[in-house]
Protein backbone atom coordinates (compact mmCIF):
# COMPACT_ATOMS: atom_id res chain seq x y z
CA MET A 1 139.72 57.59 64.13
CA SER A 2 138.09 59.01 60.82
CA LYS A 3 136.30 62.08 61.02
CA HIS A 4 133.50 60.88 58.90
CA MET A 5 130.90 58.24 59.21
CA LYS A 6 128.63 56.62 57.35
CA ALA A 7 125.12 57.75 57.49
CA VAL A 8 121.55 57.27 55.73
CA ARG A 9 119.88 60.68 54.39
CA SER A 10 116.34 60.96 53.77
CA VAL A 11 115.25 63.09 51.07
CA VAL A 12 111.00 63.64 50.63
CA GLY A 13 110.24 61.49 47.34
CA GLN A 14 113.63 60.07 47.19
CA PRO A 15 115.22 56.67 48.17
CA LEU A 16 117.18 56.55 50.96
CA GLU A 17 120.79 57.10 50.31
CA LEU A 18 124.09 55.98 51.98
CA ILE A 19 126.12 58.72 52.24
CA SER A 20 129.76 60.24 54.12
CA LEU A 21 128.91 62.72 57.09
CA GLU A 22 131.43 64.32 59.59
CA ARG A 23 131.44 62.71 62.76
CA PRO A 24 129.75 64.23 65.84
CA SER A 25 131.33 64.91 68.80
CA PRO A 26 129.45 64.92 72.39
CA GLY A 27 128.79 68.46 74.01
CA PRO A 28 127.89 68.95 77.61
CA GLY A 29 125.74 66.06 78.64
CA GLN A 30 125.79 64.05 76.01
CA VAL A 31 127.02 60.28 75.10
CA LEU A 32 128.63 59.59 71.72
CA ILE A 33 127.74 56.07 70.61
CA ARG A 34 129.30 53.78 68.31
CA VAL A 35 126.79 52.23 66.88
CA LYS A 36 126.09 48.51 66.40
CA ALA A 37 122.32 48.65 65.17
CA ALA A 38 119.51 50.88 64.82
CA GLY A 39 115.68 50.46 65.05
CA VAL A 40 113.30 51.19 62.35
CA ASN A 41 110.13 52.86 63.39
CA ARG A 42 107.12 54.28 61.91
CA PRO A 43 107.81 58.09 62.85
CA ASP A 44 111.15 57.33 60.66
CA LEU A 45 108.86 56.84 57.59
CA ILE A 46 106.59 59.54 58.50
CA GLN A 47 109.51 62.01 58.67
CA ARG A 48 111.12 60.49 55.16
CA ALA A 49 107.57 61.59 53.71
CA GLY A 50 107.76 65.00 55.02
CA ARG A 51 105.37 64.97 57.44
CA TYR A 52 107.42 64.61 60.87
CA PRO A 53 110.31 67.33 60.94
CA PRO A 54 112.99 66.84 63.69
CA PRO A 55 112.66 68.99 66.73
CA PRO A 56 114.95 71.67 67.18
CA GLY A 57 118.64 70.96 67.56
CA ALA A 58 118.00 67.04 66.48
CA PRO A 59 119.88 65.56 63.78
CA ASP A 60 118.14 65.65 60.51
CA THR A 61 118.98 61.89 59.74
CA LEU A 62 116.73 59.16 60.79
CA GLY A 63 116.77 56.96 63.41
CA LEU A 64 115.19 57.14 67.00
CA GLU A 65 116.81 54.14 68.84
CA ALA A 66 120.26 52.59 68.68
CA SER A 67 122.57 50.32 70.36
CA GLY A 68 126.56 50.22 70.62
CA TRP A 69 129.18 51.10 72.75
CA VAL A 70 130.01 54.31 74.34
CA GLU A 71 132.68 55.97 72.32
CA ALA A 72 133.23 59.16 74.25
CA VAL A 73 131.58 61.61 76.90
CA GLY A 74 130.87 65.04 76.92
CA ALA A 75 131.49 67.45 79.91
CA GLY A 76 129.56 66.79 83.17
CA VAL A 77 128.33 62.78 81.80
CA THR A 78 128.96 60.63 85.19
CA SER A 79 126.99 57.71 84.37
CA TRP A 80 128.77 56.05 81.19
CA THR A 81 132.51 55.41 80.44
CA VAL A 82 134.17 54.58 77.15
CA GLY A 83 133.51 50.79 76.16
CA GLU A 84 130.29 50.23 77.95
CA ALA A 85 127.54 48.21 76.01
CA VAL A 86 124.54 50.51 75.72
CA THR A 87 121.13 51.36 73.99
CA ALA A 88 119.77 54.67 73.77
CA LEU A 89 116.80 56.81 72.61
CA LEU A 90 118.03 59.41 70.51
CA PRO A 91 116.46 62.65 68.99
CA GLY A 92 117.39 61.52 65.49
CA GLY A 93 120.60 60.43 63.77
CA GLY A 94 120.49 56.37 64.66
CA TYR A 95 120.97 55.33 60.96
CA ALA A 96 124.73 55.97 61.16
CA GLU A 97 128.03 54.73 62.50
CA TYR A 98 128.17 57.18 65.25
CA ALA A 99 125.37 58.84 67.25
CA LEU A 100 125.00 61.27 70.18
CA ALA A 101 122.43 60.88 73.05
CA PRO A 102 121.52 62.88 76.12
CA GLU A 103 122.88 60.99 79.06
CA GLY A 104 119.62 60.41 80.70
CA SER A 105 118.43 58.57 77.71
CA VAL A 106 121.10 56.13 78.06
CA LEU A 107 120.31 52.63 79.23
CA PRO A 108 122.84 49.77 79.95
CA ALA A 109 122.40 47.15 77.17
CA PRO A 110 120.92 43.98 78.81
CA PRO A 111 123.41 41.29 78.97
CA SER A 112 120.72 38.53 77.98
CA LEU A 113 120.14 40.38 74.95
CA SER A 114 122.41 40.72 71.56
CA LEU A 115 123.08 44.36 70.46
CA LEU A 116 120.56 43.85 67.76
CA GLU A 117 117.91 42.91 70.10
CA ALA A 118 118.60 45.72 72.32
CA ALA A 119 118.58 48.19 69.33
CA GLY A 120 114.74 47.83 69.18
CA LEU A 121 114.29 48.43 72.88
CA PRO A 122 114.30 52.27 73.84
CA GLU A 123 111.81 54.04 71.60
CA THR A 124 109.30 50.82 71.58
CA VAL A 125 110.11 50.24 75.85
CA LEU A 126 109.76 53.86 76.59
CA THR A 127 106.38 54.57 74.51
CA VAL A 128 104.67 51.85 76.09
CA TRP A 129 105.81 52.71 79.70
CA ASN A 130 104.85 56.21 79.12
CA ASN A 131 101.30 55.36 77.75
CA VAL A 132 100.24 52.24 79.55
CA PHE A 133 101.70 52.51 82.76
CA GLU A 134 102.69 56.26 83.31
CA MET A 135 99.39 57.97 81.57
CA GLY A 136 97.37 54.83 81.31
CA ARG A 137 98.35 53.78 84.87
CA LEU A 138 97.85 49.99 84.11
CA LYS A 139 97.11 48.04 87.24
CA PRO A 140 97.74 44.10 87.86
CA GLY A 141 94.71 42.38 87.27
CA GLU A 142 92.86 44.93 84.93
CA THR A 143 91.90 43.93 81.62
CA PHE A 144 94.33 45.74 78.76
CA LEU A 145 93.59 45.73 75.13
CA VAL A 146 96.36 46.49 72.57
CA HIS A 147 95.60 47.29 69.12
CA GLY A 148 98.21 46.67 66.38
CA GLY A 149 99.44 43.45 68.52
CA ALA A 150 102.12 42.01 66.27
CA SER A 151 104.10 45.42 65.80
CA GLY A 152 106.84 46.36 67.62
CA ILE A 153 105.18 48.22 70.15
CA GLY A 154 102.31 45.64 70.19
CA THR A 155 104.38 42.86 70.91
CA THR A 156 106.30 44.88 73.44
CA ALA A 157 102.87 46.18 75.17
CA ILE A 158 101.69 42.48 75.47
CA GLN A 159 104.75 41.04 77.22
CA ILE A 160 105.29 43.85 79.42
CA ALA A 161 101.49 44.27 80.58
CA ALA A 162 101.04 40.34 81.02
CA ALA A 163 104.42 40.42 83.08
CA TRP A 164 102.78 43.16 85.06
CA GLY A 165 99.96 40.83 86.12
CA ALA A 166 97.27 42.44 83.44
CA VAL A 167 94.73 40.33 81.37
CA VAL A 168 95.85 41.01 77.69
CA TYR A 169 93.70 40.96 74.48
CA ALA A 170 95.34 42.26 71.49
CA THR A 171 93.89 42.77 67.60
CA ALA A 172 96.03 41.59 64.62
CA GLY A 173 95.64 41.59 60.96
CA SER A 174 95.57 37.74 60.40
CA ASP A 175 95.10 34.37 62.42
CA THR A 176 99.03 33.72 62.28
CA LYS A 177 99.67 37.13 64.02
CA SER A 178 96.59 36.84 66.58
CA ARG A 179 98.20 33.71 67.87
CA LEU A 180 101.67 35.14 68.18
CA CYS A 181 100.23 37.47 70.48
CA GLU A 182 98.67 34.54 72.37
CA THR A 183 102.48 33.17 72.40
CA LEU A 184 103.57 36.50 73.87
CA GLY A 185 100.83 36.44 76.79
CA ALA A 186 97.61 37.61 75.43
CA ARG A 187 94.61 35.64 76.66
CA ARG A 188 93.02 36.03 73.23
CA GLY A 189 94.53 37.51 69.94
CA ILE A 190 91.64 38.58 67.59
CA ASN A 191 92.10 38.85 64.01
CA TYR A 192 90.51 42.28 63.14
CA ARG A 193 89.67 41.04 59.38
CA THR A 194 87.55 38.22 60.18
CA GLU A 195 86.16 38.90 64.00
CA ASP A 196 84.75 41.97 65.86
CA PHE A 197 86.75 42.81 68.63
CA GLU A 198 83.98 44.99 70.27
CA ASP A 199 81.88 41.71 70.78
CA ILE A 200 84.62 39.44 72.09
CA ILE A 201 85.70 42.35 74.56
CA LYS A 202 82.37 42.84 75.71
CA SER A 203 82.04 39.10 76.20
CA ALA A 204 84.86 39.25 78.36
CA GLY A 205 83.76 41.92 80.67
CA GLY A 206 85.07 45.25 79.02
CA ALA A 207 88.76 46.62 79.09
CA ASP A 208 90.07 49.31 81.80
CA LEU A 209 92.63 50.19 79.26
CA ILE A 210 93.12 50.35 75.47
CA LEU A 211 96.27 51.48 73.51
CA ASP A 212 95.30 52.46 70.04
CA MET A 213 97.23 53.33 67.15
CA VAL A 214 94.73 52.94 64.31
CA GLY A 215 92.65 56.05 64.94
CA ALA A 216 89.30 57.26 64.05
CA PRO A 217 87.86 53.73 62.68
CA TYR A 218 88.09 52.42 66.12
CA PHE A 219 87.36 55.47 68.35
CA ASP A 220 83.24 54.60 68.81
CA LYS A 221 84.28 50.73 69.47
CA ASN A 222 86.68 51.70 71.76
CA LEU A 223 83.97 53.73 74.11
CA ASN A 224 81.78 51.03 73.80
CA ILE A 225 84.12 48.47 75.36
CA LEU A 226 85.71 50.42 78.27
CA ARG A 227 84.62 49.95 81.51
CA ASP A 228 83.61 53.00 83.75
CA MET A 229 86.71 54.60 84.76
CA GLY A 230 88.31 53.48 81.60
CA ARG A 231 91.20 54.88 79.67
CA LEU A 232 91.66 55.12 76.11
CA SER A 233 95.43 56.18 75.17
CA TYR A 234 96.32 56.97 71.69
CA ILE A 235 100.14 56.71 70.25
CA ALA A 236 99.26 57.07 66.47
CA PHE A 237 96.17 57.61 64.48
CA LEU A 238 97.58 55.63 61.00
CA HIS A 239 93.77 55.44 59.48
CA GLY A 240 92.85 58.71 60.53
CA ALA A 241 92.78 61.44 63.17
CA LYS A 242 89.32 63.20 62.98
CA VAL A 243 86.19 61.72 64.83
CA GLU A 244 82.92 63.28 66.19
CA ALA A 245 82.25 62.27 69.69
CA ASP A 246 79.14 61.79 71.87
CA ILE A 247 80.56 63.59 74.88
CA SER A 248 77.71 62.28 77.28
CA ARG A 249 79.01 58.80 77.05
CA ILE A 250 82.46 59.87 78.02
CA MET A 251 81.08 61.97 80.88
CA MET A 252 78.48 59.02 82.06
CA LYS A 253 81.27 56.27 82.10
CA ARG A 254 83.89 58.82 83.29
CA LEU A 255 86.61 57.94 80.82
CA THR A 256 90.07 59.29 80.45
CA ILE A 257 91.56 59.84 76.78
CA THR A 258 94.76 60.51 76.45
CA GLY A 259 97.45 60.92 73.81
CA SER A 260 101.32 61.50 73.24
CA THR A 261 104.21 61.57 71.34
CA LEU A 262 107.66 60.86 72.61
CA ARG A 263 110.09 62.62 70.36
CA ILE A 264 109.32 66.02 71.51
CA ARG A 265 109.30 65.74 75.24
CA THR A 266 112.17 67.21 77.29
CA GLU A 267 115.29 65.42 77.89
CA ALA A 268 114.43 65.44 81.61
CA TYR A 269 111.10 63.86 81.05
CA LYS A 270 112.63 61.18 78.43
CA ALA A 271 115.08 60.50 81.57
CA HIS A 272 112.50 59.91 84.17
CA LEU A 273 110.88 57.47 81.79
CA ALA A 274 114.12 55.53 81.15
CA SER A 275 114.74 55.34 84.95
CA GLY A 276 111.47 53.87 85.29
CA VAL A 277 112.07 51.51 82.61
CA ARG A 278 115.43 50.68 84.05
CA ASP A 279 113.32 49.90 87.62
CA HIS A 280 110.86 48.03 86.20
CA VAL A 281 111.32 46.57 82.70
CA TRP A 282 114.91 45.67 82.84
CA PRO A 283 114.34 43.21 85.44
CA MET A 284 111.79 41.39 83.31
CA ILE A 285 114.42 41.06 80.98
CA GLY A 286 116.49 39.69 83.17
CA SER A 287 114.21 37.02 84.25
CA GLY A 288 113.12 35.93 81.04
CA ARG A 289 109.58 37.36 81.16
CA PHE A 290 110.24 39.85 78.63
CA ARG A 291 112.26 39.39 75.23
CA PRO A 292 112.01 41.78 72.15
CA LEU A 293 110.78 39.99 68.92
CA VAL A 294 112.72 40.77 65.91
CA ASP A 295 111.11 40.17 62.77
CA SER A 296 114.08 40.94 60.56
CA VAL A 297 117.74 42.42 60.41
CA PHE A 298 118.93 44.53 57.02
CA PRO A 299 122.31 45.88 56.58
CA LEU A 300 122.44 49.93 56.68
CA ALA A 301 122.81 50.10 53.28
CA GLU A 302 119.44 48.41 52.64
CA ALA A 303 117.60 50.73 54.61
CA ASN A 304 115.14 51.12 51.50
CA ALA A 305 114.25 47.44 51.99
CA ALA A 306 113.64 47.79 55.73
CA HIS A 307 111.25 50.58 55.46
CA GLU A 308 109.44 48.59 52.39
CA ARG A 309 109.38 45.77 54.97
CA MET A 310 107.39 48.28 57.64
CA GLU A 311 105.25 49.73 55.01
CA SER A 312 103.85 46.04 53.63
CA GLY A 313 102.49 45.55 57.17
CA ASP A 314 103.74 41.89 56.85
CA HIS A 315 106.04 42.46 59.94
CA ALA A 316 105.95 40.90 63.39
CA GLY A 317 108.12 42.45 65.82
CA LYS A 318 110.83 45.12 65.26
CA ILE A 319 112.87 45.50 62.23
CA ILE A 320 116.31 46.44 62.90
CA LEU A 321 119.16 48.07 60.90
CA GLU A 322 122.91 46.46 61.24
CA VAL A 323 124.97 49.37 61.14
CA THR A 324 128.29 47.58 62.06
CA ARG A 325 129.49 44.00 61.79
CA ASP A 326 131.79 43.54 65.10
């Protein structure tokens, strides 16, 4: 086996570049994956812009999720054997022919999916599980609103929440994307360019939980439409992070506002989330109630084009980089 591998290098202000790097070796508790495909996520673009440095010890190359086959395991690893098809949440380094993952962040590739589809699961599904179900405490029968419904996070959240038994609404940037949200399980897709989601959700009786990646422009509207004891969960702030709040409204309605990022959490916490996903979401995939939506697939050498696709906002679902053609 070659001691080197192809990987994508990111330098602030420059195009992504395919280079040769030394192939990593697994340390204690680590799994080395021969990568079939990697998911493209917005944090990759933010890191590329120099605003999201990797945590200590993580690779400085991009890529927070990947699928492939177990190539080798480090000391103490008992859950995985060489040759198994897997998908994994990564601290970085997924845009490469080989990637390291902590044992607890590795999941079996669902047999009903291709490895291209499986590559787009871990970052998205664990983010949804953490914010919608662990922190957001979504219950069957509750009303759930997800902003950015046609994104990778949005298409995932809609399907899982609908399979969970929630009443789902979603905002999106066109009528076509709004109808897509409805085909995935949303009761109503709302074109935020031509419709007022506040009026529509108020008419529906309000929301129990909102998943927001927009940020400041939606803050007041979100508070207005939340029911008593409602929850507002932030996973991004694409259009602004600073808001001015009337605390009395939060107190009177007994609202909970949370926010989180996944990458900086401990390996133990990520393993906890992965266990919950395996127990609750993987059966949804097996029964056909949830399937990741793939927008497009690009070869690893065309990572720049994949990022341009995400930056355009025209995508619906996950953008995938195909690393090897096996």
